[in-house]
């Protein structure tokens, strides 16, 4: 299967067995960034957190554009091709990652 340049797989935290309808939607795009909203419906508390992939599809190739996921900017790493939190005062030493597809 060939890679689709308009798609990216985001790895997100979700409560195992306590959420449904995990989805990602690109809702705004420009020449330098793609804004993505990740949502899920939770119906119980007290569940352990797990990582799950969710697919986001843009209208144009994502290439090296910045991703804005639920308001947080992520930029493409020049060393390994993954997205890293953009350097902002709020990001601190955040090590979450999104894998490009």
PDB file of N, CA and C in Angstrom:
ATOM      1  N   UNK A   1       0.842  -1.163   0.000  1.00  0.00           N
ATOM      2  CA  UNK A   1       0.000   0.000   0.000  1.00  0.00           C
ATOM      3  C   UNK A   1       0.894   1.235   0.000  1.00  0.00           C
ATOM      4  N   UNK A   2       0.622   2.176  -0.870  1.00  0.00           N
ATOM      5  CA  UNK A   2       1.420   3.390  -0.980  1.00  0.00           C
ATOM      6  C   UNK A   2       1.006   4.395   0.089  1.00  0.00           C
ATOM      7  N   UNK A   3       1.968   5.182   0.536  1.00  0.00           N
ATOM      8  CA  UNK A   3       1.691   6.224   1.522  1.00  0.00           C
ATOM      9  C   UNK A   3       0.884   7.341   0.871  1.00  0.00           C
ATOM     10  N   UNK A   4      -0.023   7.918   1.610  1.00  0.00           N
ATOM     11  CA  UNK A   4      -0.832   9.028   1.134  1.00  0.00           C
ATOM     12  C   UNK A   4      -0.270  10.313   1.751  1.00  0.00           C
ATOM     13  N   UNK A   5       0.233  11.254   0.929  1.00  0.00           N
ATOM     14  CA  UNK A   5       0.866  12.458   1.475  1.00  0.00           C
ATOM     15  C   UNK A   5      -0.108  13.403   2.185  1.00  0.00           C
ATOM     16  N   UNK A   6      -1.402  13.173   2.034  1.00  0.00           N
ATOM     17  CA  UNK A   6      -2.400  13.996   2.725  1.00  0.00           C
ATOM     18  C   UNK A   6      -2.761  13.433   4.101  1.00  0.00           C
ATOM     19  N   UNK A   7      -2.206  12.273   4.472  1.00  0.00           N
ATOM     20  CA  UNK A   7      -2.591  11.631   5.722  1.00  0.00           C
ATOM     21  C   UNK A   7      -1.432  11.581   6.708  1.00  0.00           C
ATOM     22  N   UNK A   8      -1.806  11.603   7.980  1.00  0.00           N
ATOM     23  CA  UNK A   8      -0.840  11.425   9.053  1.00  0.00           C
ATOM     24  C   UNK A   8      -1.510  10.598  10.146  1.00  0.00           C
ATOM     25  N   UNK A   9      -0.730   9.721  10.751  1.00  0.00           N
ATOM     26  CA  UNK A   9      -1.218   8.925  11.868  1.00  0.00           C
ATOM     27  C   UNK A   9      -0.734   9.592  13.149  1.00  0.00           C
ATOM     28  N   UNK A  10      -1.680   9.950  14.009  1.00  0.00           N
ATOM     29  CA  UNK A  10      -1.366  10.544  15.301  1.00  0.00           C
ATOM     30  C   UNK A  10      -1.498   9.468  16.366  1.00  0.00           C
ATOM     31  N   UNK A  11      -0.551   9.408  17.266  1.00  0.00           N
ATOM     32  CA  UNK A  11      -0.619   8.471  18.387  1.00  0.00           C
ATOM     33  C   UNK A  11      -1.105   9.285  19.591  1.00  0.00           C
ATOM     34  N   UNK A  12      -2.281   8.930  20.093  1.00  0.00           N
ATOM     35  CA  UNK A  12      -2.889   9.707  21.175  1.00  0.00           C
ATOM     36  C   UNK A  12      -3.174   8.819  22.383  1.00  0.00           C
ATOM     37  N   UNK A  13      -3.326   9.437  23.529  1.00  0.00           N
ATOM     38  CA  UNK A  13      -3.689   8.721  24.752  1.00  0.00           C
ATOM     39  C   UNK A  13      -5.208   8.664  24.847  1.00  0.00           C
ATOM     40  N   UNK A  14      -5.711   7.495  25.180  1.00  0.00           N
ATOM     41  CA  UNK A  14      -7.149   7.308  25.323  1.00  0.00           C
ATOM     42  C   UNK A  14      -7.399   6.333  26.471  1.00  0.00           C
ATOM     43  N   UNK A  15      -8.486   6.494  27.203  1.00  0.00           N
ATOM     44  CA  UNK A  15      -8.761   5.562  28.301  1.00  0.00           C
ATOM     45  C   UNK A  15      -9.246   4.219  27.745  1.00  0.00           C
ATOM     46  N   UNK A  16      -8.529   3.159  28.071  1.00  0.00           N
ATOM     47  CA  UNK A  16      -8.838   1.822  27.537  1.00  0.00           C
ATOM     48  C   UNK A  16     -10.206   1.351  28.019  1.00  0.00           C
ATOM     49  N   UNK A  17     -11.077   1.022  27.085  1.00  0.00           N
ATOM     50  CA  UNK A  17     -12.390   0.493  27.407  1.00  0.00           C
ATOM     51  C   UNK A  17     -13.375   1.507  27.936  1.00  0.00           C
ATOM     52  N   UNK A  18     -13.017   2.776  27.949  1.00  0.00           N
ATOM     53  CA  UNK A  18     -13.893   3.808  28.507  1.00  0.00           C
ATOM     54  C   UNK A  18     -14.199   4.920  27.514  1.00  0.00           C
ATOM     55  N   UNK A  19     -13.836   4.736  26.263  1.00  0.00           N
ATOM     56  CA  UNK A  19     -14.061   5.779  25.265  1.00  0.00           C
ATOM     57  C   UNK A  19     -14.456   5.136  23.947  1.00  0.00           C
ATOM     58  N   UNK A  20     -15.135   5.915  23.150  1.00  0.00           N
ATOM     59  CA  UNK A  20     -15.508   5.455  21.810  1.00  0.00           C
ATOM     60  C   UNK A  20     -15.450   6.643  20.856  1.00  0.00           C
ATOM     61  N   UNK A  21     -15.520   6.343  19.586  1.00  0.00           N
ATOM     62  CA  UNK A  21     -15.512   7.356  18.529  1.00  0.00           C
ATOM     63  C   UNK A  21     -14.266   8.246  18.558  1.00  0.00           C
ATOM     64  N   UNK A  22     -13.100   7.622  18.704  1.00  0.00           N
ATOM     65  CA  UNK A  22     -11.845   8.360  18.596  1.00  0.00           C
ATOM     66  C   UNK A  22     -11.700   8.781  17.140  1.00  0.00           C
ATOM     67  N   UNK A  23     -11.556  10.074  16.902  1.00  0.00           N
ATOM     68  CA  UNK A  23     -11.423  10.550  15.527  1.00  0.00           C
ATOM     69  C   UNK A  23     -10.578  11.815  15.464  1.00  0.00           C
ATOM     70  N   UNK A  24     -10.005  12.035  14.295  1.00  0.00           N
ATOM     71  CA  UNK A  24      -9.210  13.234  14.039  1.00  0.00           C
ATOM     72  C   UNK A  24      -9.715  13.868  12.755  1.00  0.00           C
ATOM     73  N   UNK A  25      -9.877  15.178  12.770  1.00  0.00           N
ATOM     74  CA  UNK A  25     -10.363  15.893  11.593  1.00  0.00           C
ATOM     75  C   UNK A  25      -9.531  17.146  11.368  1.00  0.00           C
ATOM     76  N   UNK A  26      -9.027  17.294  10.152  1.00  0.00           N
ATOM     77  CA  UNK A  26      -8.333  18.528   9.782  1.00  0.00           C
ATOM     78  C   UNK A  26      -9.422  19.562   9.503  1.00  0.00           C
ATOM     79  N   UNK A  27      -9.400  20.672  10.229  1.00  0.00           N
ATOM     80  CA  UNK A  27     -10.475  21.650  10.070  1.00  0.00           C
ATOM     81  C   UNK A  27     -10.006  22.993   9.533  1.00  0.00           C
ATOM     82  N   UNK A  28      -8.703  23.193   9.445  1.00  0.00           N
ATOM     83  CA  UNK A  28      -8.175  24.425   8.864  1.00  0.00           C
ATOM     84  C   UNK A  28      -6.804  24.128   8.274  1.00  0.00           C
ATOM     85  N   UNK A  29      -6.538  24.706   7.111  1.00  0.00           N
ATOM     86  CA  UNK A  29      -5.248  24.498   6.450  1.00  0.00           C
ATOM     87  C   UNK A  29      -4.761  25.791   5.833  1.00  0.00           C
ATOM     88  N   UNK A  30      -3.463  25.942   5.836  1.00  0.00           N
ATOM     89  CA  UNK A  30      -2.824  27.062   5.183  1.00  0.00           C
ATOM     90  C   UNK A  30      -1.509  26.580   4.610  1.00  0.00           C
ATOM     91  N   UNK A  31      -0.750  27.459   3.967  1.00  0.00           N
ATOM     92  CA  UNK A  31       0.503  27.028   3.352  1.00  0.00           C
ATOM     93  C   UNK A  31       1.538  26.536   4.354  1.00  0.00           C
ATOM     94  N   UNK A  32       1.450  26.959   5.623  1.00  0.00           N
ATOM     95  CA  UNK A  32       2.456  26.562   6.594  1.00  0.00           C
ATOM     96  C   UNK A  32       1.973  25.666   7.705  1.00  0.00           C
ATOM     97  N   UNK A  33       0.661  25.411   7.782  1.00  0.00           N
ATOM     98  CA  UNK A  33       0.160  24.630   8.921  1.00  0.00           C
ATOM     99  C   UNK A  33      -1.150  23.923   8.587  1.00  0.00           C
ATOM    100  N   UNK A  34      -1.399  22.860   9.330  1.00  0.00           N
ATOM    101  CA  UNK A  34      -2.662  22.115   9.269  1.00  0.00           C
ATOM    102  C   UNK A  34      -3.168  22.014  10.706  1.00  0.00           C
ATOM    103  N   UNK A  35      -4.411  22.451  10.936  1.00  0.00           N
ATOM    104  CA  UNK A  35      -5.006  22.353  12.274  1.00  0.00           C
ATOM    105  C   UNK A  35      -5.872  21.100  12.328  1.00  0.00           C
ATOM    106  N   UNK A  36      -5.638  20.279  13.347  1.00  0.00           N
ATOM    107  CA  UNK A  36      -6.350  19.007  13.506  1.00  0.00           C
ATOM    108  C   UNK A  36      -7.012  18.985  14.882  1.00  0.00           C
ATOM    109  N   UNK A  37      -8.251  18.539  14.907  1.00  0.00           N
ATOM    110  CA  UNK A  37      -8.960  18.368  16.177  1.00  0.00           C
ATOM    111  C   UNK A  37      -9.143  16.876  16.422  1.00  0.00           C
ATOM    112  N   UNK A  38      -8.669  16.402  17.564  1.00  0.00           N
ATOM    113  CA  UNK A  38      -8.833  14.998  17.961  1.00  0.00           C
ATOM    114  C   UNK A  38      -9.902  14.967  19.038  1.00  0.00           C
ATOM    115  N   UNK A  39     -10.919  14.115  18.827  1.00  0.00           N
ATOM    116  CA  UNK A  39     -12.002  14.009  19.799  1.00  0.00           C
ATOM    117  C   UNK A  39     -12.300  12.547  20.092  1.00  0.00           C
ATOM    118  N   UNK A  40     -12.923  12.325  21.236  1.00  0.00           N
ATOM    119  CA  UNK A  40     -13.398  11.000  21.613  1.00  0.00           C
ATOM    120  C   UNK A  40     -14.509  11.188  22.642  1.00  0.00           C
ATOM    121  N   UNK A  41     -15.391  10.222  22.718  1.00  0.00           N
ATOM    122  CA  UNK A  41     -16.465  10.269  23.701  1.00  0.00           C
ATOM    123  C   UNK A  41     -16.104   9.321  24.838  1.00  0.00           C
ATOM    124  N   UNK A  42     -15.984   9.867  26.037  1.00  0.00           N
ATOM    125  CA  UNK A  42     -15.698   9.020  27.196  1.00  0.00           C
ATOM    126  C   UNK A  42     -16.986   8.810  27.977  1.00  0.00           C
ATOM    127  N   UNK A  43     -17.140   7.634  28.523  1.00  0.00           N
ATOM    128  CA  UNK A  43     -18.374   7.316  29.231  1.00  0.00           C
ATOM    129  C   UNK A  43     -18.140   6.702  30.597  1.00  0.00           C
ATOM    130  N   UNK A  44     -16.885   6.632  31.018  1.00  0.00           N
ATOM    131  CA  UNK A  44     -16.539   6.085  32.319  1.00  0.00           C
ATOM    132  C   UNK A  44     -15.221   6.698  32.775  1.00  0.00           C
ATOM    133  N   UNK A  45     -14.980   6.740  34.052  1.00  0.00           N
ATOM    134  CA  UNK A  45     -13.700   7.229  34.567  1.00  0.00           C
ATOM    135  C   UNK A  45     -12.958   6.079  35.243  1.00  0.00           C
ATOM    136  N   UNK A  46     -11.717   6.324  35.591  1.00  0.00           N
ATOM    137  CA  UNK A  46     -10.939   5.333  36.318  1.00  0.00           C
ATOM    138  C   UNK A  46     -10.290   4.273  35.454  1.00  0.00           C
ATOM    139  N   UNK A  47     -10.215   4.476  34.165  1.00  0.00           N
ATOM    140  CA  UNK A  47      -9.602   3.491  33.263  1.00  0.00           C
ATOM    141  C   UNK A  47      -8.128   3.818  33.052  1.00  0.00           C
ATOM    142  N   UNK A  48      -7.352   2.806  32.724  1.00  0.00           N
ATOM    143  CA  UNK A  48      -5.936   3.036  32.437  1.00  0.00           C
ATOM    144  C   UNK A  48      -5.817   3.664  31.043  1.00  0.00           C
ATOM    145  N   UNK A  49      -4.760   4.430  30.858  1.00  0.00           N
ATOM    146  CA  UNK A  49      -4.535   5.122  29.593  1.00  0.00           C
ATOM    147  C   UNK A  49      -3.651   4.274  28.684  1.00  0.00           C
ATOM    148  N   UNK A  50      -4.002   4.222  27.418  1.00  0.00           N
ATOM    149  CA  UNK A  50      -3.220   3.512  26.413  1.00  0.00           C
ATOM    150  C   UNK A  50      -3.012   4.428  25.211  1.00  0.00           C
ATOM    151  N   UNK A  51      -2.016   4.086  24.407  1.00  0.00           N
ATOM    152  CA  UNK A  51      -1.767   4.830  23.176  1.00  0.00           C
ATOM    153  C   UNK A  51      -2.500   4.157  22.029  1.00  0.00           C
ATOM    154  N   UNK A  52      -3.178   4.955  21.212  1.00  0.00           N
ATOM    155  CA  UNK A  52      -3.871   4.424  20.043  1.00  0.00           C
ATOM    156  C   UNK A  52      -3.630   5.328  18.849  1.00  0.00           C
ATOM    157  N   UNK A  53      -3.550   4.747  17.658  1.00  0.00           N
ATOM    158  CA  UNK A  53      -3.392   5.568  16.464  1.00  0.00           C
ATOM    159  C   UNK A  53      -4.738   6.101  15.989  1.00  0.00           C
ATOM    160  N   UNK A  54      -4.706   7.285  15.415  1.00  0.00           N
ATOM    161  CA  UNK A  54      -5.886   7.862  14.776  1.00  0.00           C
ATOM    162  C   UNK A  54      -5.400   8.564  13.513  1.00  0.00           C
ATOM    163  N   UNK A  55      -6.147   8.418  12.440  1.00  0.00           N
ATOM    164  CA  UNK A  55      -5.753   8.937  11.125  1.00  0.00           C
ATOM    165  C   UNK A  55      -6.391  10.294  10.868  1.00  0.00           C
ATOM    166  N   UNK A  56      -5.586  11.252  10.462  1.00  0.00           N
ATOM    167  CA  UNK A  56      -6.067  12.574  10.061  1.00  0.00           C
ATOM    168  C   UNK A  56      -5.753  12.753   8.575  1.00  0.00           C
ATOM    169  N   UNK A  57      -6.699  13.308   7.838  1.00  0.00           N
ATOM    170  CA  UNK A  57      -6.513  13.523   6.401  1.00  0.00           C
ATOM    171  C   UNK A  57      -6.702  14.998   6.073  1.00  0.00           C
ATOM    172  N   UNK A  58      -5.695  15.588   5.439  1.00  0.00           N
ATOM    173  CA  UNK A  58      -5.747  16.988   5.011  1.00  0.00           C
ATOM    174  C   UNK A  58      -6.183  17.043   3.544  1.00  0.00           C
ATOM    175  N   UNK A  59      -6.482  18.239   3.058  1.00  0.00           N
ATOM    176  CA  UNK A  59      -6.885  18.404   1.656  1.00  0.00           C
ATOM    177  C   UNK A  59      -5.684  18.437   0.717  1.00  0.00           C
ATOM    178  N   UNK A  60      -4.549  18.896   1.238  1.00  0.00           N
ATOM    179  CA  UNK A  60      -3.316  18.975   0.447  1.00  0.00           C
ATOM    180  C   UNK A  60      -2.229  18.204   1.192  1.00  0.00           C
ATOM    181  N   UNK A  61      -1.157  17.810   0.503  1.00  0.00           N
ATOM    182  CA  UNK A  61      -0.091  17.079   1.190  1.00  0.00           C
ATOM    183  C   UNK A  61       0.400  17.810   2.436  1.00  0.00           C
ATOM    184  N   UNK A  62       0.630  17.061   3.488  1.00  0.00           N
ATOM    185  CA  UNK A  62       1.068  17.649   4.742  1.00  0.00           C
ATOM    186  C   UNK A  62       2.520  18.097   4.635  1.00  0.00           C
ATOM    187  N   UNK A  63       3.339  17.326   3.935  1.00  0.00           N
ATOM    188  CA  UNK A  63       4.757  17.645   3.714  1.00  0.00           C
ATOM    189  C   UNK A  63       5.421  18.051   5.027  1.00  0.00           C
ATOM    190  N   UNK A  64       6.019  19.235   5.069  1.00  0.00           N
ATOM    191  CA  UNK A  64       6.705  19.660   6.295  1.00  0.00           C
ATOM    192  C   UNK A  64       5.939  20.769   7.013  1.00  0.00           C
ATOM    193  N   UNK A  65       4.635  20.853   6.768  1.00  0.00           N
ATOM    194  CA  UNK A  65       3.834  21.878   7.439  1.00  0.00           C
ATOM    195  C   UNK A  65       3.726  21.582   8.937  1.00  0.00           C
ATOM    196  N   UNK A  66       3.578  22.618   9.714  1.00  0.00           N
ATOM    197  CA  UNK A  66       3.357  22.486  11.153  1.00  0.00           C
ATOM    198  C   UNK A  66       1.976  21.888  11.382  1.00  0.00           C
ATOM    199  N   UNK A  67       1.874  21.001  12.364  1.00  0.00           N
ATOM    200  CA  UNK A  67       0.575  20.464  12.778  1.00  0.00           C
ATOM    201  C   UNK A  67       0.155  21.193  14.039  1.00  0.00           C
ATOM    202  N   UNK A  68      -1.093  21.590  14.087  1.00  0.00           N
ATOM    203  CA  UNK A  68      -1.653  22.178  15.303  1.00  0.00           C
ATOM    204  C   UNK A  68      -2.723  21.203  15.765  1.00  0.00           C
ATOM    205  N   UNK A  69      -2.402  20.428  16.797  1.00  0.00           N
ATOM    206  CA  UNK A  69      -3.299  19.379  17.288  1.00  0.00           C
ATOM    207  C   UNK A  69      -3.958  19.868  18.572  1.00  0.00           C
ATOM    208  N   UNK A  70      -5.276  20.042  18.499  1.00  0.00           N
ATOM    209  CA  UNK A  70      -6.050  20.557  19.639  1.00  0.00           C
ATOM    210  C   UNK A  70      -5.396  21.803  20.247  1.00  0.00           C
ATOM    211  N   UNK A  71      -4.895  22.671  19.383  1.00  0.00           N
ATOM    212  CA  UNK A  71      -4.316  23.934  19.831  1.00  0.00           C
ATOM    213  C   UNK A  71      -2.836  23.917  20.128  1.00  0.00           C
ATOM    214  N   UNK A  72      -2.195  22.756  20.124  1.00  0.00           N
ATOM    215  CA  UNK A  72      -0.760  22.665  20.416  1.00  0.00           C
ATOM    216  C   UNK A  72       0.035  22.482  19.126  1.00  0.00           C
ATOM    217  N   UNK A  73       1.015  23.360  18.867  1.00  0.00           N
ATOM    218  CA  UNK A  73       1.799  23.249  17.625  1.00  0.00           C
ATOM    219  C   UNK A  73       2.867  22.155  17.710  1.00  0.00           C
ATOM    220  N   UNK A  74       3.008  21.415  16.617  1.00  0.00           N
ATOM    221  CA  UNK A  74       4.009  20.357  16.473  1.00  0.00           C
ATOM    222  C   UNK A  74       4.765  20.632  15.176  1.00  0.00           C
ATOM    223  N   UNK A  75       6.093  20.484  15.210  1.00  0.00           N
ATOM    224  CA  UNK A  75       6.904  20.697  14.019  1.00  0.00           C
ATOM    225  C   UNK A  75       7.667  19.426  13.667  1.00  0.00           C
ATOM    226  N   UNK A  76       7.981  19.290  12.404  1.00  0.00           N
ATOM    227  CA  UNK A  76       8.668  18.108  11.901  1.00  0.00           C
ATOM    228  C   UNK A  76      10.133  18.140  12.303  1.00  0.00           C
ATOM    229  N   UNK A  77      10.598  17.044  12.878  1.00  0.00           N
ATOM    230  CA  UNK A  77      11.996  16.915  13.280  1.00  0.00           C
ATOM    231  C   UNK A  77      12.859  16.660  12.049  1.00  0.00           C
ATOM    232  N   UNK A  78      13.938  17.383  11.932  1.00  0.00           N
ATOM    233  CA  UNK A  78      14.848  17.199  10.800  1.00  0.00           C
ATOM    234  C   UNK A  78      15.662  15.923  10.935  1.00  0.00           C
ATOM    235  N   UNK A  79      15.772  15.382  12.139  1.00  0.00           N
ATOM    236  CA  UNK A  79      16.627  14.218  12.350  1.00  0.00           C
ATOM    237  C   UNK A  79      15.940  12.888  12.100  1.00  0.00           C
ATOM    238  N   UNK A  80      14.681  12.739  12.538  1.00  0.00           N
ATOM    239  CA  UNK A  80      14.058  11.415  12.405  1.00  0.00           C
ATOM    240  C   UNK A  80      12.693  11.397  11.717  1.00  0.00           C
ATOM    241  N   UNK A  81      12.213  12.535  11.243  1.00  0.00           N
ATOM    242  CA  UNK A  81      10.962  12.557  10.489  1.00  0.00           C
ATOM    243  C   UNK A  81       9.697  12.434  11.329  1.00  0.00           C
ATOM    244  N   UNK A  82       9.808  12.564  12.642  1.00  0.00           N
ATOM    245  CA  UNK A  82       8.616  12.557  13.493  1.00  0.00           C
ATOM    246  C   UNK A  82       8.279  13.995  13.871  1.00  0.00           C
ATOM    247  N   UNK A  83       7.055  14.194  14.305  1.00  0.00           N
ATOM    248  CA  UNK A  83       6.649  15.506  14.784  1.00  0.00           C
ATOM    249  C   UNK A  83       6.946  15.609  16.269  1.00  0.00           C
ATOM    250  N   UNK A  84       7.483  16.754  16.667  1.00  0.00           N
ATOM    251  CA  UNK A  84       7.817  17.032  18.058  1.00  0.00           C
ATOM    252  C   UNK A  84       7.069  18.283  18.482  1.00  0.00           C
ATOM    253  N   UNK A  85       6.770  18.432  19.774  1.00  0.00           N
ATOM    254  CA  UNK A  85       6.130  19.673  20.221  1.00  0.00           C
ATOM    255  C   UNK A  85       7.000  20.866  19.845  1.00  0.00           C
ATOM    256  N   UNK A  86       6.368  21.900  19.327  1.00  0.00           N
ATOM    257  CA  UNK A  86       7.114  23.111  18.983  1.00  0.00           C
ATOM    258  C   UNK A  86       7.634  23.743  20.260  1.00  0.00           C
ATOM    259  N   UNK A  87       8.728  24.436  20.156  1.00  0.00           N
ATOM    260  CA  UNK A  87       9.320  25.054  21.331  1.00  0.00           C
ATOM    261  C   UNK A  87       8.493  26.266  21.745  1.00  0.00           C
ATOM    262  N   UNK A  88       7.751  26.071  22.800  1.00  0.00           N
ATOM    263  CA  UNK A  88       6.962  27.148  23.391  1.00  0.00           C
ATOM    264  C   UNK A  88       7.203  27.116  24.889  1.00  0.00           C
ATOM    265  N   UNK A  89       6.968  28.196  25.591  1.00  0.00           N
ATOM    266  CA  UNK A  89       7.156  28.173  27.046  1.00  0.00           C
ATOM    267  C   UNK A  89       6.297  27.106  27.723  1.00  0.00           C
ATOM    268  N   UNK A  90       5.129  26.805  27.161  1.00  0.00           N
ATOM    269  CA  UNK A  90       4.238  25.824  27.763  1.00  0.00           C
ATOM    270  C   UNK A  90       4.681  24.387  27.530  1.00  0.00           C
ATOM    271  N   UNK A  91       5.490  24.129  26.491  1.00  0.00           N
ATOM    272  CA  UNK A  91       5.811  22.742  26.134  1.00  0.00           C
ATOM    273  C   UNK A  91       6.835  22.109  27.072  1.00  0.00           C
ATOM    274  N   UNK A  92       7.717  22.896  27.667  1.00  0.00           N
ATOM    275  CA  UNK A  92       8.706  22.350  28.591  1.00  0.00           C
ATOM    276  C   UNK A  92       9.496  21.224  27.953  1.00  0.00           C
ATOM    277  N   UNK A  93       9.577  20.082  28.611  1.00  0.00           N
ATOM    278  CA  UNK A  93      10.316  18.931  28.115  1.00  0.00           C
ATOM    279  C   UNK A  93       9.345  17.847  27.666  1.00  0.00           C
ATOM    280  N   UNK A  94       8.348  18.214  26.904  1.00  0.00           N
ATOM    281  CA  UNK A  94       7.309  17.286  26.477  1.00  0.00           C
ATOM    282  C   UNK A  94       7.869  16.352  25.398  1.00  0.00           C
ATOM    283  N   UNK A  95       7.701  15.069  25.571  1.00  0.00           N
ATOM    284  CA  UNK A  95       8.288  14.100  24.642  1.00  0.00           C
ATOM    285  C   UNK A  95       7.249  13.331  23.835  1.00  0.00           C
ATOM    286  N   UNK A  96       6.001  13.828  23.792  1.00  0.00           N
ATOM    287  CA  UNK A  96       4.986  13.151  22.981  1.00  0.00           C
ATOM    288  C   UNK A  96       5.383  13.224  21.515  1.00  0.00           C
ATOM    289  N   UNK A  97       4.952  12.241  20.740  1.00  0.00           N
ATOM    290  CA  UNK A  97       5.315  12.212  19.322  1.00  0.00           C
ATOM    291  C   UNK A  97       4.118  11.836  18.479  1.00  0.00           C
ATOM    292  N   UNK A  98       4.145  12.275  17.235  1.00  0.00           N
ATOM    293  CA  UNK A  98       3.183  11.860  16.228  1.00  0.00           C
ATOM    294  C   UNK A  98       3.979  11.308  15.063  1.00  0.00           C
ATOM    295  N   UNK A  99       3.630  10.134  14.578  1.00  0.00           N
ATOM    296  CA  UNK A  99       4.385   9.495  13.497  1.00  0.00           C
ATOM    297  C   UNK A  99       3.806   9.915  12.160  1.00  0.00           C
ATOM    298  N   UNK A 100       4.626  10.442  11.261  1.00  0.00           N
ATOM    299  CA  UNK A 100       4.177  10.818   9.922  1.00  0.00           C
ATOM    300  C   UNK A 100       3.941   9.586   9.083  1.00  0.00           C
ATOM    301  N   UNK A 101       2.996   9.667   8.194  1.00  0.00           N
ATOM    302  CA  UNK A 101       2.695   8.531   7.333  1.00  0.00           C
ATOM    303  C   UNK A 101       2.913   8.900   5.896  1.00  0.00           C
TER     304      UNK A 101
END
